[in-house]
C-alpha atoms as a PDB file:
ATOM      1  CA  MET A   1     -26.134  88.164 194.685  1.00  0.00           C
ATOM      2  CA  GLU A   2     -24.836  86.509 191.723  1.00  0.00           C
ATOM      3  CA  PHE A   3     -21.343  88.275 192.146  1.00  0.00           C
ATOM      4  CA  CYS A   4     -21.085  87.718 195.823  1.00  0.00           C
ATOM      5  CA  MET A   5     -21.306  84.210 195.231  1.00  0.00           C
ATOM      6  CA  CYS A   6     -18.990  84.596 192.568  1.00  0.00           C
ATOM      7  CA  MET A   7     -16.463  86.443 195.038  1.00  0.00           C
ATOM      8  CA  LYS A   8     -16.949  83.624 197.535  1.00  0.00           C
ATOM      9  CA  ASN A   9     -16.649  80.695 195.511  1.00  0.00           C
ATOM     10  CA  ILE A  10     -13.348  82.386 194.207  1.00  0.00           C
ATOM     11  CA  PHE A  11     -12.090  83.263 197.805  1.00  0.00           C
ATOM     12  CA  CYS A  12     -12.534  79.576 198.444  1.00  0.00           C
ATOM     13  CA  LEU A  13     -10.289  78.598 195.128  1.00  0.00           C
ATOM     14  CA  PHE A  14      -7.442  81.115 196.280  1.00  0.00           C
ATOM     15  CA  VAL A  15      -8.221  79.831 200.042  1.00  0.00           C
ATOM     16  CA  LEU A  16      -7.682  76.257 198.574  1.00  0.00           C
ATOM     17  CA  GLY A  17      -4.724  77.710 196.650  1.00  0.00           C
ATOM     18  CA  PHE A  18      -3.176  78.146 199.459  1.00  0.00           C
ATOM     19  CA  ALA A  19      -3.447  74.758 200.413  1.00  0.00           C
ATOM     20  CA  GLU A  20      -2.132  73.123 197.410  1.00  0.00           C
ATOM     21  CA  LEU A  21       1.123  75.598 197.966  1.00  0.00           C
ATOM     22  CA  ILE A  22       1.951  74.224 201.399  1.00  0.00           C
ATOM     23  CA  VAL A  23       1.351  70.610 199.743  1.00  0.00           C
ATOM     24  CA  SER A  24       3.379  71.373 196.582  1.00  0.00           C
ATOM     25  CA  LEU A  25       6.605  72.215 198.829  1.00  0.00           C
ATOM     26  CA  LEU A  26       5.969  69.184 201.098  1.00  0.00           C
ATOM     27  CA  VAL A  27       5.685  66.860 198.073  1.00  0.00           C
ATOM     28  CA  LEU A  28       9.003  68.231 196.980  1.00  0.00           C
ATOM     29  CA  PHE A  29      10.812  67.748 200.502  1.00  0.00           C
ATOM     30  CA  VAL A  30       9.432  64.414 200.075  1.00  0.00           C
ATOM     31  CA  LEU A  31      10.828  63.625 196.721  1.00  0.00           C
ATOM     32  CA  GLY A  32      14.147  65.504 197.547  1.00  0.00           C
ATOM     33  CA  TYR A  33      14.440  62.881 200.709  1.00  0.00           C
ATOM     34  CA  PHE A  34      14.186  59.641 198.113  1.00  0.00           C
ATOM     35  CA  ASN A  35      16.665  61.133 195.889  1.00  0.00           C
ATOM     36  CA  PHE A  36      14.402  62.285 193.004  1.00  0.00           C
ATOM     37  CA  PRO A  37      16.305  64.265 190.989  1.00  0.00           C
ATOM     38  CA  LEU A  38      14.938  67.934 192.077  1.00  0.00           C
ATOM     39  CA  THR A  39      18.030  69.321 189.627  1.00  0.00           C
ATOM     40  CA  PHE A  40      15.882  68.338 186.513  1.00  0.00           C
ATOM     41  CA  VAL A  41      14.320  71.809 186.762  1.00  0.00           C
ATOM     42  CA  TYR A  42      17.455  73.318 186.393  1.00  0.00           C
ATOM     43  CA  SER A  43      19.164  70.961 183.638  1.00  0.00           C
ATOM     44  CA  HIS A  44      15.774  71.472 181.495  1.00  0.00           C
ATOM     45  CA  PHE A  45      14.525  75.253 182.143  1.00  0.00           C
ATOM     46  CA  ILE A  46      15.069  76.237 178.249  1.00  0.00           C
ATOM     47  CA  HIS A  47      12.655  72.644 177.492  1.00  0.00           C
ATOM     48  CA  LEU A  48      10.250  73.711 180.653  1.00  0.00           C
ATOM     49  CA  ILE A  49       9.832  77.345 179.700  1.00  0.00           C
ATOM     50  CA  VAL A  50       9.150  76.278 176.065  1.00  0.00           C
ATOM     51  CA  ALA A  51       6.517  73.832 176.712  1.00  0.00           C
ATOM     52  CA  SER A  52       4.873  75.932 179.041  1.00  0.00           C
ATOM     53  CA  VAL A  53       4.272  78.696 176.094  1.00  0.00           C
ATOM     54  CA  LEU A  54       3.021  75.727 173.808  1.00  0.00           C
ATOM     55  CA  PHE A  55       0.820  74.710 176.554  1.00  0.00           C
ATOM     56  CA  SER A  56      -0.350  78.315 177.254  1.00  0.00           C
ATOM     57  CA  PHE A  57      -1.249  78.396 173.860  1.00  0.00           C
ATOM     58  CA  VAL A  58      -2.696  75.389 173.283  1.00  0.00           C
ATOM     59  CA  PHE A  59      -4.487  76.013 176.824  1.00  0.00           C
ATOM     60  CA  SER A  60      -6.214  79.854 175.067  1.00  0.00           C
ATOM     61  CA  VAL A  61      -7.326  78.302 171.939  1.00  0.00           C
ATOM     62  CA  TRP A  62      -9.698  76.182 173.948  1.00  0.00           C
ATOM     63  CA  LEU A  63     -10.298  79.263 176.302  1.00  0.00           C
ATOM     64  CA  TYR A  64     -11.247  81.412 173.230  1.00  0.00           C
ATOM     65  CA  PHE A  65     -13.501  78.947 170.884  1.00  0.00           C
ATOM     66  CA  LYS A  66     -15.304  77.338 174.591  1.00  0.00           C
ATOM     67  CA  SER A  67     -16.102  82.123 175.168  1.00  0.00           C
ATOM     68  CA  PHE A  68     -18.528  81.615 171.988  1.00  0.00           C
ATOM     69  CA  GLN A  69     -20.961  79.642 174.763  1.00  0.00           C
ATOM     70  CA  ALA A  70     -20.300  81.899 177.547  1.00  0.00           C
ATOM     71  CA  PRO A  71     -22.729  83.942 178.693  1.00  0.00           C
ATOM     72  CA  THR A  72     -23.351  88.040 177.571  1.00  0.00           C
ATOM     73  CA  TYR A  73     -22.680  89.324 181.298  1.00  0.00           C
ATOM     74  CA  ASN A  74     -19.549  86.682 181.250  1.00  0.00           C
ATOM     75  CA  ILE A  75     -17.970  88.259 178.157  1.00  0.00           C
ATOM     76  CA  ASN A  76     -14.787  90.716 177.869  1.00  0.00           C
ATOM     77  CA  PRO A  77     -15.862  93.984 176.636  1.00  0.00           C
ATOM     78  CA  GLU A  78     -12.557  94.830 175.280  1.00  0.00           C
ATOM     79  CA  ALA A  79     -12.238  91.554 173.638  1.00  0.00           C
ATOM     80  CA  THR A  80     -15.578  91.770 171.434  1.00  0.00           C
ATOM     81  CA  THR A  81     -13.557  93.695 168.459  1.00  0.00           C
ATOM     82  CA  GLY A  82     -14.107  91.580 165.761  1.00  0.00           C
ATOM     83  CA  TYR A  83     -10.528  90.806 165.207  1.00  0.00           C
ATOM     84  CA  GLN A  84     -10.136  87.596 166.187  1.00  0.00           C
ATOM     85  CA  TYR A  85      -6.141  87.815 167.312  1.00  0.00           C
ATOM     86  CA  TYR A  86      -6.742  90.624 169.310  1.00  0.00           C
ATOM     87  CA  ASP A  87      -9.785  89.126 170.891  1.00  0.00           C
ATOM     88  CA  PHE A  88      -7.618  85.710 171.470  1.00  0.00           C
ATOM     89  CA  PHE A  89      -5.033  87.850 172.934  1.00  0.00           C
ATOM     90  CA  VAL A  90      -6.950  89.892 175.898  1.00  0.00           C
ATOM     91  CA  GLY A  91      -9.118  87.035 176.089  1.00  0.00           C
ATOM     92  CA  ARG A  92     -12.961  87.182 175.730  1.00  0.00           C
ATOM     93  CA  GLU A  93     -14.592  85.216 178.558  1.00  0.00           C
ATOM     94  CA  VAL A  94     -14.034  87.346 181.943  1.00  0.00           C
ATOM     95  CA  HIS A  95     -14.127  84.243 184.530  1.00  0.00           C
ATOM     96  CA  PRO A  96     -14.286  80.926 182.452  1.00  0.00           C
ATOM     97  CA  ARG A  97     -15.595  78.133 184.264  1.00  0.00           C
ATOM     98  CA  ILE A  98     -15.797  74.291 184.500  1.00  0.00           C
ATOM     99  CA  GLY A  99     -19.206  73.253 185.890  1.00  0.00           C
ATOM    100  CA  LYS A 100     -20.410  76.035 188.706  1.00  0.00           C
ATOM    101  CA  MET A 101     -17.504  76.127 191.175  1.00  0.00           C
ATOM    102  CA  PHE A 102     -13.533  75.915 189.126  1.00  0.00           C
ATOM    103  CA  ASP A 103     -12.763  79.099 188.330  1.00  0.00           C
ATOM    104  CA  ILE A 104     -10.286  78.966 185.294  1.00  0.00           C
ATOM    105  CA  LYS A 105      -9.000  82.423 185.764  1.00  0.00           C
ATOM    106  CA  LEU A 106      -8.080  81.312 189.533  1.00  0.00           C
ATOM    107  CA  PHE A 107      -6.654  77.875 189.143  1.00  0.00           C
ATOM    108  CA  VAL A 108      -4.082  79.589 186.300  1.00  0.00           C
ATOM    109  CA  LEU A 109      -3.490  82.786 189.098  1.00  0.00           C
ATOM    110  CA  ASN A 110      -2.809  80.104 191.088  1.00  0.00           C
ATOM    111  CA  ALA A 111      -1.099  77.412 189.501  1.00  0.00           C
ATOM    112  CA  GLY A 112       1.373  80.259 187.960  1.00  0.00           C
ATOM    113  CA  MET A 113       2.054  81.264 191.596  1.00  0.00           C
ATOM    114  CA  ILE A 114       2.481  77.554 193.087  1.00  0.00           C
ATOM    115  CA  SER A 115       4.995  76.870 190.100  1.00  0.00           C
ATOM    116  CA  TRP A 116       7.093  79.647 191.161  1.00  0.00           C
ATOM    117  CA  ALA A 117       7.548  78.298 194.534  1.00  0.00           C
ATOM    118  CA  VAL A 118       8.709  74.808 193.612  1.00  0.00           C
ATOM    119  CA  VAL A 119      10.871  76.339 190.519  1.00  0.00           C
ATOM    120  CA  ASP A 120      13.076  78.480 193.251  1.00  0.00           C
ATOM    121  CA  VAL A 121      12.647  75.688 195.582  1.00  0.00           C
ATOM    122  CA  CYS A 122      14.178  73.073 192.481  1.00  0.00           C
ATOM    123  CA  LEU A 123      17.195  75.829 192.083  1.00  0.00           C
ATOM    124  CA  VAL A 124      17.942  76.041 195.225  1.00  0.00           C
ATOM    125  CA  PHE A 125      18.290  72.363 195.772  1.00  0.00           C
ATOM    126  CA  LYS A 126      20.422  72.055 192.641  1.00  0.00           C
ATOM    127  CA  SER A 127      22.361  75.003 194.699  1.00  0.00           C
ATOM    128  CA  PHE A 128      22.654  73.068 198.081  1.00  0.00           C
ATOM    129  CA  MET A 129      23.561  69.702 195.658  1.00  0.00           C
ATOM    130  CA  ASP A 130      26.075  71.445 193.869  1.00  0.00           C
ATOM    131  CA  LYS A 131      28.416  73.492 197.034  1.00  0.00           C
ATOM    132  CA  GLY A 132      26.890  71.262 199.823  1.00  0.00           C
ATOM    133  CA  CYS A 133      25.264  74.590 200.937  1.00  0.00           C
ATOM    134  CA  VAL A 134      23.255  77.342 200.183  1.00  0.00           C
ATOM    135  CA  ASN A 135      24.749  80.743 201.058  1.00  0.00           C
ATOM    136  CA  TYR A 136      23.187  83.960 202.055  1.00  0.00           C
ATOM    137  CA  PRO A 137      22.553  85.889 199.298  1.00  0.00           C
ATOM    138  CA  LEU A 138      20.493  82.966 197.535  1.00  0.00           C
ATOM    139  CA  ALA A 139      18.923  81.861 200.268  1.00  0.00           C
ATOM    140  CA  LEU A 140      17.951  85.544 201.081  1.00  0.00           C
ATOM    141  CA  THR A 141      16.409  86.377 197.696  1.00  0.00           C
ATOM    142  CA  ALA A 142      14.395  82.442 197.489  1.00  0.00           C
ATOM    143  CA  VAL A 143      13.264  83.270 201.128  1.00  0.00           C
ATOM    144  CA  PHE A 144      12.021  87.005 199.802  1.00  0.00           C
ATOM    145  CA  GLN A 145      10.198  85.381 197.148  1.00  0.00           C
ATOM    146  CA  LEU A 146       8.873  82.503 198.635  1.00  0.00           C
ATOM    147  CA  ILE A 147       7.134  84.705 201.435  1.00  0.00           C
ATOM    148  CA  TYR A 148       5.734  87.239 198.508  1.00  0.00           C
ATOM    149  CA  ILE A 149       3.911  83.775 197.246  1.00  0.00           C
ATOM    150  CA  ILE A 150       2.362  82.862 200.501  1.00  0.00           C
ATOM    151  CA  ASN A 151       1.095  86.862 201.355  1.00  0.00           C
ATOM    152  CA  TYR A 152      -0.422  86.849 197.899  1.00  0.00           C
ATOM    153  CA  LEU A 153      -2.302  83.633 198.902  1.00  0.00           C
ATOM    154  CA  TRP A 154      -3.132  83.871 202.592  1.00  0.00           C
ATOM    155  CA  HIS A 155      -4.081  87.765 201.755  1.00  0.00           C
ATOM    156  CA  ALA A 156      -6.452  86.315 198.794  1.00  0.00           C
ATOM    157  CA  GLU A 157      -8.792  88.199 199.921  1.00  0.00           C
ATOM    158  CA  TYR A 158      -7.360  91.643 199.372  1.00  0.00           C
ATOM    159  CA  PHE A 159      -7.042  91.251 195.734  1.00  0.00           C
ATOM    160  CA  LEU A 160     -10.530  90.357 194.753  1.00  0.00           C
ATOM    161  CA  SER A 161     -11.158  94.032 194.427  1.00  0.00           C
ATOM    162  CA  SER A 162      -8.016  94.130 191.652  1.00  0.00           C
ATOM    163  CA  THR A 163      -8.529  94.931 187.983  1.00  0.00           C
ATOM    164  CA  THR A 164      -7.055  91.465 187.379  1.00  0.00           C
ATOM    165  CA  ILE A 165      -9.761  89.200 189.098  1.00  0.00           C
ATOM    166  CA  GLN A 166     -12.615  91.657 188.641  1.00  0.00           C
ATOM    167  CA  TYR A 167     -12.168  92.834 184.950  1.00  0.00           C
ATOM    168  CA  GLU A 168      -9.190  91.139 182.856  1.00  0.00           C
ATOM    169  CA  GLY A 169     -10.170  88.641 179.987  1.00  0.00           C
ATOM    170  CA  VAL A 170      -8.838  85.147 180.492  1.00  0.00           C
ATOM    171  CA  GLY A 171      -6.255  85.307 177.002  1.00  0.00           C
ATOM    172  CA  TYR A 172      -3.439  84.316 175.904  1.00  0.00           C
ATOM    173  CA  GLN A 173      -1.811  87.544 177.582  1.00  0.00           C
ATOM    174  CA  LEU A 174      -3.140  86.206 180.900  1.00  0.00           C
ATOM    175  CA  ILE A 175      -2.242  82.522 180.727  1.00  0.00           C
ATOM    176  CA  ILE A 176       1.717  83.425 178.915  1.00  0.00           C
ATOM    177  CA  VAL A 177       2.223  85.807 182.127  1.00  0.00           C
ATOM    178  CA  PHE A 178       1.595  82.878 184.970  1.00  0.00           C
ATOM    179  CA  PHE A 179       2.017  79.968 183.067  1.00  0.00           C
ATOM    180  CA  THR A 180       5.503  81.023 181.948  1.00  0.00           C
ATOM    181  CA  LEU A 181       6.725  85.133 182.900  1.00  0.00           C
ATOM    182  CA  THR A 182       5.756  84.364 186.603  1.00  0.00           C
ATOM    183  CA  PRO A 183       7.622  81.349 186.944  1.00  0.00           C
ATOM    184  CA  PHE A 184      10.046  81.144 184.878  1.00  0.00           C
ATOM    185  CA  PHE A 185      10.884  84.366 184.632  1.00  0.00           C
ATOM    186  CA  TYR A 186      10.551  85.861 188.024  1.00  0.00           C
ATOM    187  CA  CYS A 187      12.896  83.171 189.438  1.00  0.00           C
ATOM    188  CA  ILE A 188      15.939  84.550 187.475  1.00  0.00           C
ATOM    189  CA  PRO A 189      17.530  86.195 190.477  1.00  0.00           C
ATOM    190  CA  VAL A 190      17.499  83.214 192.316  1.00  0.00           C
ATOM    191  CA  LEU A 191      19.025  81.486 188.872  1.00  0.00           C
ATOM    192  CA  TYR A 192      21.806  83.831 188.954  1.00  0.00           C
ATOM    193  CA  LEU A 193      22.511  83.350 192.437  1.00  0.00           C
ATOM    194  CA  VAL A 194      22.992  79.342 191.600  1.00  0.00           C
ATOM    195  CA  ASN A 195      25.490  80.159 188.748  1.00  0.00           C
ATOM    196  CA  TYR A 196      27.201  83.137 190.152  1.00  0.00           C
ATOM    197  CA  ARG A 197      28.144  83.142 193.961  1.00  0.00           C
ATOM    198  CA  GLN A 198      27.841  86.871 195.487  1.00  0.00           C
ATOM    199  CA  TYR A 199      28.739  87.836 199.099  1.00  0.00           C
ATOM    200  CA  VAL A 200      26.701  90.306 200.856  1.00  0.00           C
ATOM    201  CA  SER A 201      27.972  91.918 204.091  1.00  0.00           C
ATOM    202  CA  ASN A 202      25.569  91.662 207.283  1.00  0.00           C
ATOM    203  CA  TYR A 203      25.212  95.138 206.962  1.00  0.00           C
ATOM    204  CA  CYS A 204      24.005  94.840 203.470  1.00  0.00           C
ATOM    205  CA  ILE A 205      21.894  91.904 204.644  1.00  0.00           C
ATOM    206  CA  PHE A 206      20.351  94.038 206.636  1.00  0.00           C
ATOM    207  CA  GLY A 207      19.486  96.826 204.686  1.00  0.00           C
ATOM    208  CA  ILE A 208      17.723  94.875 201.911  1.00  0.00           C
ATOM    209  CA  ALA A 209      15.780  93.319 204.695  1.00  0.00           C
ATOM    210  CA  ALA A 210      14.349  96.755 205.765  1.00  0.00           C
ATOM    211  CA  LEU A 211      13.584  97.228 201.862  1.00  0.00           C
ATOM    212  CA  TYR A 212      12.063  94.380 201.034  1.00  0.00           C
ATOM    213  CA  SER A 213       9.929  94.605 204.484  1.00  0.00           C
ATOM    214  CA  LEU A 214       9.292  98.216 204.325  1.00  0.00           C
ATOM    215  CA  GLY A 215       7.691  97.169 200.092  1.00  0.00           C
ATOM    216  CA  LEU A 216       5.832  94.038 201.387  1.00  0.00           C
ATOM    217  CA  TYR A 217       3.762  96.199 204.047  1.00  0.00           C
ATOM    218  CA  ILE A 218       3.385  98.935 201.751  1.00  0.00           C
ATOM    219  CA  TYR A 219       1.821  96.353 199.447  1.00  0.00           C
ATOM    220  CA  THR A 220      -0.376  94.620 202.041  1.00  0.00           C
ATOM    221  CA  GLN A 221      -1.557  97.055 204.160  1.00  0.00           C
ATOM    222  CA  SER A 222      -2.475  99.624 200.715  1.00  0.00           C
ATOM    223  CA  ASN A 223      -4.242  96.493 199.268  1.00  0.00           C
ATOM    224  CA  ARG A 224      -5.838  95.641 202.372  1.00  0.00           C
ATOM    225  CA  GLU A 225      -7.373  99.369 202.885  1.00  0.00           C
ATOM    226  CA  LYS A 226      -8.868  99.147 199.436  1.00  0.00           C
ATOM    227  CA  TYR A 227     -10.724  95.713 200.218  1.00  0.00           C
ATOM    228  CA  MET A 228     -11.847  96.775 203.234  1.00  0.00           C
ATOM    229  CA  PHE A 229     -13.577  99.627 202.120  1.00  0.00           C
ATOM    230  CA  ARG A 230     -14.563  97.931 199.138  1.00  0.00           C
ATOM    231  CA  ARG A 231     -16.225  95.507 201.625  1.00  0.00           C
ATOM    232  CA  ASN A 232     -17.676  97.816 203.789  1.00  0.00           C
ATOM    233  CA  ALA A 233     -17.338 101.587 203.147  1.00  0.00           C
ATOM    234  CA  HIS A 234     -19.356 102.722 206.253  1.00  0.00           C
ATOM    235  CA  ASP A 235     -16.832 100.498 208.618  1.00  0.00           C
ATOM    236  CA  ARG A 236     -15.765 102.757 211.647  1.00  0.00           C
ATOM    237  CA  SER A 237     -11.990 102.093 211.401  1.00  0.00           C
ATOM    238  CA  LEU A 238     -11.988 103.212 207.536  1.00  0.00           C
ATOM    239  CA  ILE A 239     -14.499 106.991 208.957  1.00  0.00           C
ATOM    240  CA  ASN A 240     -11.799 108.927 208.677  1.00  0.00           C
ATOM    241  CA  LEU A 241     -10.537 107.822 205.042  1.00  0.00           C
ATOM    242  CA  GLU A 242     -12.251 110.248 201.812  1.00  0.00           C
ATOM    243  CA  SER A 243     -13.791 109.288 198.951  1.00  0.00           C
ATOM    244  CA  ILE A 244     -15.664 110.460 195.930  1.00  0.00           C
ATOM    245  CA  PRO A 245     -18.512 108.636 193.872  1.00  0.00           C
ATOM    246  CA  SER A 246     -17.315 106.466 190.617  1.00  0.00           C
ATOM    247  CA  LEU A 247     -19.721 106.252 187.398  1.00  0.00           C
ATOM    248  CA  ASN A 248     -20.174 102.199 188.324  1.00  0.00           C
ATOM    249  CA  GLY A 249     -21.145 102.482 191.870  1.00  0.00           C
ATOM    250  CA  LYS A 250     -18.186 102.535 193.530  1.00  0.00           C
ATOM    251  CA  ARG A 251     -16.309 105.002 195.150  1.00  0.00           C
ATOM    252  CA  LEU A 252     -12.614 106.235 195.059  1.00  0.00           C
ATOM    253  CA  LEU A 253     -10.306 106.493 197.403  1.00  0.00           C
ATOM    254  CA  ILE A 254      -8.383 109.877 197.889  1.00  0.00           C
ATOM    255  CA  SER A 255      -6.947 109.383 201.726  1.00  0.00           C
ATOM    256  CA  GLY A 256      -5.111 106.875 203.634  1.00  0.00           C
ATOM    257  CA  TRP A 257      -2.527 105.194 201.101  1.00  0.00           C
ATOM    258  CA  TRP A 258      -4.463 105.613 198.507  1.00  0.00           C
ATOM    259  CA  GLY A 259      -3.936 109.733 199.010  1.00  0.00           C
ATOM    260  CA  PHE A 260      -0.341 109.206 199.598  1.00  0.00           C
ATOM    261  CA  VAL A 261       0.306 108.054 196.462  1.00  0.00           C
ATOM    262  CA  ARG A 262      -1.832 107.069 193.905  1.00  0.00           C
ATOM    263  CA  HIS A 263      -0.912 103.473 193.345  1.00  0.00           C
ATOM    264  CA  PRO A 264       0.671 102.076 196.229  1.00  0.00           C
ATOM    265  CA  ASN A 265       0.087  98.853 195.760  1.00  0.00           C
ATOM    266  CA  LYS A 266       2.257  99.292 193.258  1.00  0.00           C
ATOM    267  CA  LEU A 267       4.592 101.213 194.377  1.00  0.00           C
ATOM    268  CA  GLY A 268       5.359  98.400 197.298  1.00  0.00           C
ATOM    269  CA  ASP A 269       5.504  95.391 194.494  1.00  0.00           C
ATOM    270  CA  ILE A 270       8.345  97.900 192.361  1.00  0.00           C
ATOM    271  CA  ILE A 271      10.046  97.751 196.146  1.00  0.00           C
ATOM    272  CA  ILE A 272       9.888  94.682 196.713  1.00  0.00           C
ATOM    273  CA  PHE A 273      11.220  93.810 193.393  1.00  0.00           C
ATOM    274  CA  VAL A 274      14.103  95.772 193.677  1.00  0.00           C
ATOM    275  CA  ALA A 275      14.628  94.505 197.020  1.00  0.00           C
ATOM    276  CA  TRP A 276      15.138  90.575 196.493  1.00  0.00           C
ATOM    277  CA  THR A 277      17.911  91.852 192.589  1.00  0.00           C
ATOM    278  CA  LEU A 278      20.282  93.210 195.352  1.00  0.00           C
ATOM    279  CA  PRO A 279      21.675  90.567 196.119  1.00  0.00           C
ATOM    280  CA  CYS A 280      22.975  89.803 192.938  1.00  0.00           C
ATOM    281  CA  ASP A 281      24.865  93.323 192.020  1.00  0.00           C
ATOM    282  CA  CYS A 282      27.112  92.517 194.918  1.00  0.00           C
ATOM    283  CA  ASP A 283      30.358  92.457 192.417  1.00  0.00           C
ATOM    284  CA  GLY A 284      28.613  95.425 190.414  1.00  0.00           C
ATOM    285  CA  ASN A 285      28.497  92.923 187.475  1.00  0.00           C
ATOM    286  CA  SER A 286      24.640  91.970 187.326  1.00  0.00           C
ATOM    287  CA  SER A 287      23.481  90.267 184.429  1.00  0.00           C
ATOM    288  CA  PRO A 288      21.192  92.479 181.980  1.00  0.00           C
ATOM    289  CA  MET A 289      18.654  90.165 182.674  1.00  0.00           C
ATOM    290  CA  LEU A 290      18.452  91.140 186.344  1.00  0.00           C
ATOM    291  CA  SER A 291      17.353  94.810 185.056  1.00  0.00           C
ATOM    292  CA  GLY A 292      14.920  93.243 182.294  1.00  0.00           C
ATOM    293  CA  ASN A 293      13.586  91.299 185.973  1.00  0.00           C
ATOM    294  CA  ARG A 294      12.878  94.780 187.103  1.00  0.00           C
ATOM    295  CA  GLY A 295      12.047  96.687 184.237  1.00  0.00           C
ATOM    296  CA  HIS A 296       9.743  93.998 182.990  1.00  0.00           C
ATOM    297  CA  LYS A 297       7.841  94.141 186.624  1.00  0.00           C
ATOM    298  CA  VAL A 298       7.546  98.221 186.369  1.00  0.00           C
ATOM    299  CA  MET A 299       6.100  97.837 182.429  1.00  0.00           C
ATOM    300  CA  LEU A 300       3.581  95.052 184.045  1.00  0.00           C
ATOM    301  CA  SER A 301       2.704  97.445 187.116  1.00  0.00           C
ATOM    302  CA  THR A 302       2.536 100.367 184.673  1.00  0.00           C
ATOM    303  CA  GLY A 303      -0.327  98.805 182.068  1.00  0.00           C
ATOM    304  CA  GLN A 304      -2.086  97.867 184.996  1.00  0.00           C
ATOM    305  CA  ARG A 305      -1.940 100.914 186.727  1.00  0.00           C
ATOM    306  CA  LYS A 306      -3.381 102.455 183.287  1.00  0.00           C
ATOM    307  CA  GLN A 307      -5.812 100.538 183.157  1.00  0.00           C
ATOM    308  CA  ALA A 308      -7.076 101.122 186.303  1.00  0.00           C
ATOM    309  CA  ASP A 309      -6.669 104.804 185.385  1.00  0.00           C
ATOM    310  CA  ILE A 310      -8.830 104.102 182.547  1.00  0.00           C
ATOM    311  CA  LEU A 311     -11.788 103.164 184.544  1.00  0.00           C
ATOM    312  CA  ALA A 312     -11.248 105.731 186.982  1.00  0.00           C
ATOM    313  CA  GLN A 313     -11.168 108.392 184.034  1.00  0.00           C
ATOM    314  CA  GLY A 314     -14.392 109.258 183.121  1.00  0.00           C
ATOM    315  CA  THR A 315     -15.475 109.743 187.322  1.00  0.00           C
ATOM    316  CA  LEU A 316     -12.536 112.289 188.275  1.00  0.00           C
ATOM    317  CA  SER A 317     -14.111 113.987 185.161  1.00  0.00           C
ATOM    318  CA  LEU A 318     -17.325 113.753 186.483  1.00  0.00           C
ATOM    319  CA  PHE A 319     -15.978 115.063 189.724  1.00  0.00           C
ATOM    320  CA  SER A 320     -14.305 117.839 188.266  1.00  0.00           C
ATOM    321  CA  SER A 321     -17.017 119.009 186.015  1.00  0.00           C
ATOM    322  CA  THR A 322     -19.225 118.611 189.199  1.00  0.00           C
ATOM    323  CA  TRP A 323     -16.565 120.708 191.578  1.00  0.00           C
ATOM    324  CA  LEU A 324     -16.334 123.407 189.271  1.00  0.00           C
ATOM    325  CA  SER A 325     -19.727 123.979 188.439  1.00  0.00           C
ATOM    326  CA  SER A 326     -20.368 124.414 192.277  1.00  0.00           C
END
């Protein structure tokens, strides 16, 4: 019952996050209309990164000491090693709260995604102020990223069963990812196109858009399928899906999207990231940072995949031994 209330509160915060995104974008347009210097983000990009790193560290220190007052059931089992630096890095609390309703983990996730959207809009505004227009590659990449952010917040319920939401602690690792890497690293393709104008043919634009749409479809539908299965495995729409029992009382999907490839949501995520960096490669001389942007997403997805694999490893071993002995 307590877990259901927790998930309900988290979902409400995700919905609030979508409303905050809309309000933030509206505020940006109003500020731009009244000639507020939105180019501040571009001009002080490095300063903002440094400030976010320092804030992330201070915020993580506060959460670390706060975690010693947390109930036992909310403690991250991976952060009970006794090594203070490691526990500080991975986070001791899974769902730290202020009061009963304000979930700090969801605040961090939402703030990171909204900040990313704000930075993108400010960078596009910088290009518009300098050149009087926004070229197609820049507009395409910025729109792709905004759609990704909106999709994440709009379909928030699909991510309630993710490893990040249910198992990861809120430590310096999670906070630095969403307060620094998400807004200031994932926007690098947009920043690159602000500084270096690219020309993309209509055929390339269509192909890139098709690739992005494919990735977004795989990403959204695979997460939806997992969410629907977690919510009600006996639903009639899921009657054709096969699954195996897990050690924690749940079941693992082995058909549908999750039978087509082991981690379809990560596959879709990587396709999306590749698609919105392609407009930067039109001259064949893309920045090494763009390759790093893609590589970071691959490594992050691989790391999250390994965490999920560790959780499923015991289940698969048990299933194999049961099958072999039958």
